[in-house]
């Protein structure tokens, strides 16, 4: 296997892991996301009792 291919595969694996971690963080933050409809628009804010 060429060095370029090995590096590409390693980068691909790293990006998959980063994406998985990012999705996990987003899932945790969704608990704090408050959604409001104002007129015909959707507005978002973050809420937590410790803020």
Protein backbone atom coordinates (compact mmCIF):
# COMPACT_ATOMS: atom_id res chain seq x y z
CA UNK A 1 0.00 0.00 0.00
CA UNK A 2 1.34 3.43 -0.89
CA UNK A 3 2.05 6.06 1.70
CA UNK A 4 -0.53 8.38 0.11
CA UNK A 5 -3.23 5.72 0.37
CA UNK A 6 -2.32 4.98 3.99
CA UNK A 7 -2.46 8.68 4.82
CA UNK A 8 -5.81 9.06 3.04
CA UNK A 9 -7.26 6.11 4.96
CA UNK A 10 -5.96 7.46 8.27
CA UNK A 11 -7.47 10.87 7.51
CA UNK A 12 -10.76 9.24 6.55
CA UNK A 13 -10.89 7.32 9.83
CA UNK A 14 -10.08 10.49 11.79
CA UNK A 15 -12.84 12.42 10.05
CA UNK A 16 -15.35 9.66 10.80
CA UNK A 17 -14.37 9.75 14.50
CA UNK A 18 -14.55 13.54 14.58
CA UNK A 19 -18.00 13.45 12.99
CA UNK A 20 -19.19 10.87 15.52
CA UNK A 21 -17.93 13.01 18.41
CA UNK A 22 -19.51 16.14 16.91
CA UNK A 23 -22.86 14.38 16.58
CA UNK A 24 -22.59 13.22 20.20
CA UNK A 25 -21.97 16.78 21.35
CA UNK A 26 -24.92 18.03 19.32
CA UNK A 27 -27.18 15.38 20.83
CA UNK A 28 -26.18 16.50 24.32
CA UNK A 29 -26.82 20.16 23.48
CA UNK A 30 -30.25 19.42 22.00
CA UNK A 31 -31.52 19.01 25.55
CA UNK A 32 -30.70 22.68 26.15
CA UNK A 33 -32.08 24.04 22.90
CA UNK A 34 -35.35 25.90 23.26
CA UNK A 35 -37.38 26.44 20.12
CA UNK A 36 -39.94 29.26 19.78
CA UNK A 37 -42.21 30.27 16.93
CA UNK A 38 -42.46 34.04 16.57
CA UNK A 39 -44.75 35.12 13.76
CA UNK A 40 -43.80 32.73 10.98
CA UNK A 41 -40.17 32.32 12.06
CA UNK A 42 -38.51 29.71 14.26
CA UNK A 43 -36.14 31.12 16.87
CA UNK A 44 -33.72 29.12 19.00
CA UNK A 45 -32.08 29.83 22.32
CA UNK A 46 -30.02 27.87 24.80
CA UNK A 47 -31.36 27.31 28.27
CA UNK A 48 -30.06 25.53 31.30
CA UNK A 49 -30.89 26.24 34.93
CA UNK A 50 -27.16 26.64 35.68
CA UNK A 51 -26.71 29.45 33.11
